[in-house]
């Protein structure tokens, strides 16, 4: 796609320094960009490339305009503007409506005329696919599942029976939504499976990364609210509730019945105990272990248990001093 800098500036609410008639077609890094490329500066580590870039234009903050030898689009948040510009210049391909001959769609399923069902996909009885839904190759959509308008499933996604997925969601390859949660009852020296009779509900604009799983509820539903973004290899247990616009990085494990607030950010590798609650606007740094509820917004770090980030840094410094400043050496 090609767009003029004038139109791009208007759509990004940016201050343009340069010709409004110049056109860009794609996004590239500062050090690799050339004619027709739009680049961006978000990280100070890449500022050394700004003065030598061959891009047609660069998204920058106002403070960096003078150092750029080409046209600039000055904005308050360059990273956000870069994300929006990339979506404009590199849009997802349009859905080519129709059911592939190798797919199987139950006669009792409801599939919008504008939807696509890819090769070897299966759509079971009572399932419903909305307008422009895209079901990738090898996907499985279980009985009675609902997928809202404009949602996309990458290849080999599994949506179990009764799951409800909102509008404009993206599920990447290998995601599994609605498998049974880990429910077991002890009977002397063996385990008895507890039937998981709840479901899963995903709100609008949710993204689920590759090979991530969201378990169905034991009784009520597991709930993922609007705008939640989940990275690859994340496990969300049964009956969890994830608040709107929370972001969860890779390899996070959330045990059953945990409740995560809105607009939280959970770093990679974090573990969260079941049956606890985390307040809105909490940031948890990577590899933390959350064993108790967090009732106050803020940043939390560390292992056993997580603490306020400032406290954790002071604690690590004290332990380092107690060790005589030799932390990190072999055989200490």
Protein backbone atom coordinates (compact mmCIF):
# COMPACT_ATOMS: atom_id res chain seq x y z
CA UNK A 1 0.00 0.00 0.00
CA UNK A 2 1.17 3.55 -0.76
CA UNK A 3 0.23 6.70 1.16
CA UNK A 4 1.35 10.34 1.08
CA UNK A 5 3.04 11.86 4.08
CA UNK A 6 0.28 14.46 4.21
CA UNK A 7 -2.41 11.82 4.60
CA UNK A 8 -0.29 9.81 7.02
CA UNK A 9 0.36 12.87 9.19
CA UNK A 10 -3.36 13.60 9.36
CA UNK A 11 -4.22 10.03 10.34
CA UNK A 12 -1.46 9.88 12.97
CA UNK A 13 -2.11 13.40 14.29
CA UNK A 14 1.56 14.13 13.57
CA UNK A 15 3.45 17.34 12.81
CA UNK A 16 4.93 16.91 9.34
CA UNK A 17 8.36 18.38 8.57
CA UNK A 18 8.87 17.87 4.83
CA UNK A 19 6.85 17.57 1.64
CA UNK A 20 3.28 16.36 2.05
CA UNK A 21 3.45 14.85 -1.47
CA UNK A 22 6.16 12.33 -0.67
CA UNK A 23 4.88 8.77 -0.57
CA UNK A 24 5.81 5.75 1.57
CA UNK A 25 4.94 2.12 0.86
CA UNK A 26 6.34 0.06 3.72
CA UNK A 27 8.02 0.23 7.14
CA UNK A 28 11.70 -0.54 7.71
CA UNK A 29 14.39 -0.09 10.37
CA UNK A 30 16.48 3.08 10.36
CA UNK A 31 19.66 1.31 9.28
CA UNK A 32 18.02 -0.63 6.43
CA UNK A 33 15.43 1.83 5.11
CA UNK A 34 15.58 3.29 1.62
CA UNK A 35 13.42 5.20 -0.83
CA UNK A 36 9.73 4.59 -0.22
CA UNK A 37 10.33 3.38 3.34
CA UNK A 38 8.89 4.82 6.53
CA UNK A 39 11.08 4.33 9.58
CA UNK A 40 10.83 5.26 13.25
CA UNK A 41 12.92 6.08 16.32
CA UNK A 42 11.59 4.75 19.63
CA UNK A 43 14.67 3.40 21.40
CA UNK A 44 17.64 5.70 22.13
CA UNK A 45 19.96 2.81 21.30
CA UNK A 46 19.13 3.33 17.63
CA UNK A 47 19.62 7.11 17.57
CA UNK A 48 23.05 6.65 15.98
CA UNK A 49 21.30 5.53 12.77
CA UNK A 50 19.06 8.59 12.58
CA UNK A 51 21.58 10.92 10.93
CA UNK A 52 22.52 8.39 8.25
CA UNK A 53 19.12 6.92 7.41
CA UNK A 54 18.04 6.79 3.76
CA UNK A 55 14.33 6.44 4.61
CA UNK A 56 11.82 8.68 2.90
CA UNK A 57 10.46 9.71 6.32
CA UNK A 58 10.93 8.89 9.99
CA UNK A 59 8.48 8.92 12.91
CA UNK A 60 10.18 10.70 15.80
CA UNK A 61 9.50 12.72 18.92
CA UNK A 62 9.69 16.50 18.59
CA UNK A 63 13.11 16.49 20.30
CA UNK A 64 14.66 14.43 17.47
CA UNK A 65 13.37 16.39 14.48
CA UNK A 66 16.50 18.55 14.11
CA UNK A 67 18.81 15.50 13.95
CA UNK A 68 16.97 13.83 11.09
CA UNK A 69 18.19 14.48 7.51
CA UNK A 70 14.89 13.41 5.88
CA UNK A 71 11.21 14.21 6.34
CA UNK A 72 9.82 13.60 9.81
CA UNK A 73 6.47 12.94 11.43
CA UNK A 74 6.74 14.30 14.97
CA UNK A 75 4.43 12.70 17.54
CA UNK A 76 4.16 12.37 21.30
CA UNK A 77 4.41 8.57 21.25
CA UNK A 78 6.56 7.31 18.34
CA UNK A 79 6.05 3.64 19.15
CA UNK A 80 2.28 3.94 19.09
CA UNK A 81 2.41 5.93 15.84
CA UNK A 82 4.71 3.29 14.34
CA UNK A 83 2.21 0.56 15.25
CA UNK A 84 -0.65 2.45 13.62
CA UNK A 85 1.36 3.31 10.52
CA UNK A 86 2.42 -0.31 10.11
CA UNK A 87 -1.21 -1.42 10.22
CA UNK A 88 -2.01 1.08 7.46
CA UNK A 89 0.90 0.13 5.21
CA UNK A 90 0.82 -3.61 5.86
CA UNK A 91 -2.85 -4.54 6.29
CA UNK A 92 -3.96 -8.14 6.75
CA UNK A 93 -5.05 -9.74 3.48
CA UNK A 94 -8.75 -9.63 2.76
CA UNK A 95 -10.71 -12.76 3.57
CA UNK A 96 -11.43 -14.78 0.42
CA UNK A 97 -14.92 -16.04 1.23
CA UNK A 98 -15.87 -19.68 0.76
CA UNK A 99 -15.45 -23.19 2.11
CA UNK A 100 -12.49 -25.18 0.84
CA UNK A 101 -13.45 -28.51 -0.79
CA UNK A 102 -11.38 -30.46 1.78
CA UNK A 103 -13.04 -28.78 4.79
CA UNK A 104 -16.04 -30.31 6.58
CA UNK A 105 -18.84 -28.02 7.74
CA UNK A 106 -21.88 -29.50 9.46
CA UNK A 107 -25.19 -28.80 7.73
CA UNK A 108 -26.36 -27.49 11.11
CA UNK A 109 -23.57 -24.90 11.35
CA UNK A 110 -24.21 -21.26 10.47
CA UNK A 111 -21.51 -19.76 8.28
CA UNK A 112 -21.79 -16.19 6.95
CA UNK A 113 -21.46 -15.87 3.19
CA UNK A 114 -18.42 -13.61 3.67
CA UNK A 115 -16.58 -16.11 5.91
CA UNK A 116 -13.76 -18.43 4.84
CA UNK A 117 -13.18 -22.00 6.00
CA UNK A 118 -9.71 -23.22 5.00
CA UNK A 119 -8.39 -26.62 3.91
CA UNK A 120 -9.12 -29.60 6.18
CA UNK A 121 -10.87 -27.44 8.78
CA UNK A 122 -13.84 -28.84 10.70
CA UNK A 123 -16.90 -26.86 11.83
CA UNK A 124 -19.29 -28.91 13.93
CA UNK A 125 -23.07 -28.77 14.39
CA UNK A 126 -24.55 -25.60 15.82
CA UNK A 127 -21.35 -23.59 15.43
CA UNK A 128 -21.73 -20.03 14.14
CA UNK A 129 -19.19 -18.06 12.09
CA UNK A 130 -19.86 -14.32 11.67
CA UNK A 131 -19.14 -11.92 8.83
CA UNK A 132 -15.65 -12.16 7.29
CA UNK A 133 -14.48 -14.74 9.84
CA UNK A 134 -11.33 -16.50 8.62
CA UNK A 135 -10.82 -20.12 9.70
CA UNK A 136 -7.31 -21.29 8.81
CA UNK A 137 -6.20 -24.68 7.54
CA UNK A 138 -6.65 -27.57 9.94
CA UNK A 139 -8.73 -25.68 12.50
CA UNK A 140 -11.41 -27.31 14.62
CA UNK A 141 -14.52 -25.39 15.70
CA UNK A 142 -16.62 -27.44 18.12
CA UNK A 143 -20.34 -27.88 18.43
CA UNK A 144 -22.21 -24.75 19.40
CA UNK A 145 -19.12 -22.53 19.31
CA UNK A 146 -19.61 -18.90 18.27
CA UNK A 147 -17.00 -16.78 16.48
CA UNK A 148 -17.80 -13.09 16.03
CA UNK A 149 -17.44 -10.91 12.94
CA UNK A 150 -13.97 -10.32 11.46
CA UNK A 151 -12.19 -12.73 13.80
CA UNK A 152 -9.31 -14.79 12.42
CA UNK A 153 -8.02 -18.22 13.39
CA UNK A 154 -4.55 -19.18 12.20
CA UNK A 155 -3.79 -22.73 11.05
CA UNK A 156 -4.45 -25.56 13.52
CA UNK A 157 -6.38 -23.61 16.14
CA UNK A 158 -8.78 -25.63 18.30
CA UNK A 159 -11.99 -24.04 19.60
CA UNK A 160 -13.88 -26.51 21.77
CA UNK A 161 -17.64 -26.87 22.06
CA UNK A 162 -19.65 -23.97 23.42
CA UNK A 163 -16.81 -21.43 23.35
CA UNK A 164 -17.79 -17.86 22.48
CA UNK A 165 -15.29 -15.60 20.71
CA UNK A 166 -16.00 -11.90 20.14
CA UNK A 167 -15.43 -9.62 17.17
CA UNK A 168 -12.03 -8.89 15.58
CA UNK A 169 -10.18 -11.48 17.63
CA UNK A 170 -6.97 -13.11 16.39
CA UNK A 171 -5.99 -16.62 17.49
CA UNK A 172 -2.57 -17.78 16.31
CA UNK A 173 -1.48 -21.26 15.30
CA UNK A 174 -1.82 -23.99 17.89
CA UNK A 175 -3.99 -22.03 20.32
CA UNK A 176 -6.48 -24.19 22.23
CA UNK A 177 -9.57 -22.52 23.65
CA UNK A 178 -11.93 -24.43 25.88
CA UNK A 179 -10.13 -27.69 26.67
CA UNK A 180 -10.93 -29.14 30.09
CA UNK A 181 -9.39 -27.46 33.09
CA UNK A 182 -7.22 -29.40 35.55
CA UNK A 183 -10.00 -30.61 37.82
CA UNK A 184 -9.29 -33.71 39.91
CA UNK A 185 -10.70 -35.16 43.14
CA UNK A 186 -8.70 -37.46 45.38
CA UNK A 187 -10.01 -40.98 45.97
CA UNK A 188 -7.58 -42.70 48.33
CA UNK A 189 -4.48 -43.33 46.20
CA UNK A 190 -5.93 -42.30 42.83
CA UNK A 191 -7.44 -39.30 41.07
CA UNK A 192 -11.01 -38.92 39.81
CA UNK A 193 -11.66 -36.48 36.98
CA UNK A 194 -14.06 -33.64 37.75
CA UNK A 195 -16.17 -32.90 34.65
CA UNK A 196 -15.60 -29.35 33.40
CA UNK A 197 -19.08 -28.17 32.39
CA UNK A 198 -18.44 -24.44 32.04
CA UNK A 199 -17.20 -22.66 28.92
CA UNK A 200 -14.90 -19.88 27.74
CA UNK A 201 -15.87 -16.39 26.66
CA UNK A 202 -13.48 -14.12 24.78
CA UNK A 203 -14.43 -10.46 24.40
CA UNK A 204 -13.82 -8.27 21.36
CA UNK A 205 -10.32 -7.51 20.02
CA UNK A 206 -8.65 -10.30 22.00
CA UNK A 207 -5.42 -11.85 20.71
CA UNK A 208 -4.19 -15.30 21.76
CA UNK A 209 -0.62 -16.26 20.85
CA UNK A 210 0.69 -19.47 19.30
CA UNK A 211 0.34 -22.62 21.43
CA UNK A 212 -1.40 -20.77 24.25
CA UNK A 213 -4.31 -22.37 26.09
CA UNK A 214 -7.41 -21.08 27.85
CA UNK A 215 -9.20 -23.80 29.84
CA UNK A 216 -12.98 -24.01 30.10
CA UNK A 217 -14.59 -23.41 33.48
CA UNK A 218 -15.49 -26.14 35.92
CA UNK A 219 -18.95 -24.62 36.47
CA UNK A 220 -19.14 -21.02 35.23
CA UNK A 221 -17.13 -19.69 32.30
CA UNK A 222 -13.50 -18.63 32.03
CA UNK A 223 -13.66 -14.97 30.99
CA UNK A 224 -11.19 -13.03 28.85
CA UNK A 225 -12.44 -9.44 28.56
CA UNK A 226 -12.18 -6.99 25.66
CA UNK A 227 -8.76 -6.08 24.29
CA UNK A 228 -6.71 -8.64 26.24
CA UNK A 229 -3.42 -9.53 24.50
CA UNK A 230 -1.86 -12.91 25.30
CA UNK A 231 1.56 -13.96 24.03
CA UNK A 232 2.76 -17.42 23.01
CA UNK A 233 2.90 -20.42 25.35
CA UNK A 234 0.63 -19.00 28.04
CA UNK A 235 -1.57 -21.23 30.22
CA UNK A 236 -4.78 -19.80 31.70
CA UNK A 237 -6.56 -22.16 34.08
CA UNK A 238 -10.25 -22.81 34.49
CA UNK A 239 -12.56 -20.08 35.78
CA UNK A 240 -9.93 -17.34 35.56
CA UNK A 241 -11.05 -13.83 34.72
CA UNK A 242 -8.65 -11.56 32.84
CA UNK A 243 -9.62 -7.87 32.89
CA UNK A 244 -9.96 -5.72 29.80
CA UNK A 245 -6.79 -4.55 28.00
CA UNK A 246 -4.42 -6.60 30.12
CA UNK A 247 -1.25 -7.83 28.36
CA UNK A 248 0.35 -11.17 29.25
CA UNK A 249 3.82 -12.08 27.96
CA UNK A 250 5.07 -15.53 26.98
CA UNK A 251 5.33 -18.57 29.25
CA UNK A 252 3.06 -17.18 31.96
CA UNK A 253 1.05 -19.72 33.96
CA UNK A 254 -2.14 -18.61 35.71
CA UNK A 255 -3.80 -21.17 37.97
CA UNK A 256 -7.53 -21.70 38.16
CA UNK A 257 -9.99 -19.10 39.50
CA UNK A 258 -7.43 -16.28 39.59
CA UNK A 259 -8.86 -12.85 38.84
CA UNK A 260 -6.59 -10.36 37.04
CA UNK A 261 -7.61 -6.70 36.85
CA UNK A 262 -7.86 -4.34 33.92
CA UNK A 263 -4.85 -2.85 32.13
CA UNK A 264 -2.37 -5.09 33.91
CA UNK A 265 0.98 -6.05 32.38
CA UNK A 266 2.37 -9.46 33.29
CA UNK A 267 5.98 -10.21 32.38
CA UNK A 268 7.18 -13.44 30.78
CA UNK A 269 7.63 -16.55 32.88
CA UNK A 270 5.48 -15.30 35.74
CA UNK A 271 3.49 -17.80 37.80
CA UNK A 272 0.22 -16.80 39.48
CA UNK A 273 -1.48 -18.92 42.14
CA UNK A 274 -5.11 -19.84 41.83
CA UNK A 275 -7.97 -18.21 43.75
CA UNK A 276 -6.19 -14.88 44.19
CA UNK A 277 -7.06 -11.41 42.91
CA UNK A 278 -4.84 -8.80 41.29
CA UNK A 279 -5.99 -5.17 41.18
CA UNK A 280 -6.31 -2.99 38.10
CA UNK A 281 -3.17 -1.35 36.65
CA UNK A 282 -0.66 -3.75 38.20
CA UNK A 283 2.68 -4.41 36.46
CA UNK A 284 4.45 -7.68 37.27
CA UNK A 285 8.01 -8.06 36.09
CA UNK A 286 9.19 -11.24 34.40
CA UNK A 287 9.78 -14.48 36.35
CA UNK A 288 7.87 -13.29 39.39
CA UNK A 289 5.88 -15.72 41.53
CA UNK A 290 2.59 -14.31 42.79
CA UNK A 291 1.33 -16.31 45.77
CA UNK A 292 -1.04 -13.80 47.36
CA UNK A 293 -3.58 -11.25 46.18
CA UNK A 294 -2.36 -7.78 45.16
CA UNK A 295 -4.80 -5.07 46.16
CA UNK A 296 -2.89 -1.93 45.15
CA UNK A 297 -1.86 -0.77 41.69
CA UNK A 298 1.88 -0.50 41.02
CA UNK A 299 4.90 -2.54 39.98
CA UNK A 300 5.77 -5.86 41.64
CA UNK A 301 8.89 -8.00 41.20
CA UNK A 302 10.67 -11.06 42.49
CA UNK A 303 10.03 -14.63 43.45
CA UNK A 304 8.89 -15.76 46.89
CA UNK A 305 6.76 -13.71 47.32
CA UNK A 306 6.54 -10.74 44.94
CA UNK A 307 7.05 -7.31 46.50
CA UNK A 308 6.93 -3.68 45.46
CA UNK A 309 9.70 -3.18 42.87
CA UNK A 310 11.54 -0.49 44.87
CA UNK A 311 11.59 -2.71 47.97
CA UNK A 312 12.88 -5.66 45.91
CA UNK A 313 15.78 -3.65 44.49
CA UNK A 314 16.80 -2.47 47.98
CA UNK A 315 16.60 -6.05 49.28
CA UNK A 316 18.83 -7.41 46.51
CA UNK A 317 21.38 -4.65 47.21
CA UNK A 318 21.46 -5.57 50.92
CA UNK A 319 21.95 -9.28 50.18
CA UNK A 320 24.78 -8.36 47.81
CA UNK A 321 26.49 -6.32 50.54
CA UNK A 322 26.04 -9.14 53.08
CA UNK A 323 27.81 -11.47 50.65
CA UNK A 324 30.74 -9.11 50.55
CA UNK A 325 30.00 -7.88 47.05
CA UNK A 326 31.02 -11.19 45.53
CA UNK A 327 27.67 -12.17 44.02
CA UNK A 328 28.00 -13.93 40.71
CA UNK A 329 31.43 -15.50 41.39
CA UNK A 330 31.80 -19.25 41.27
CA UNK A 331 32.02 -21.26 44.52
CA UNK A 332 30.73 -18.41 46.75
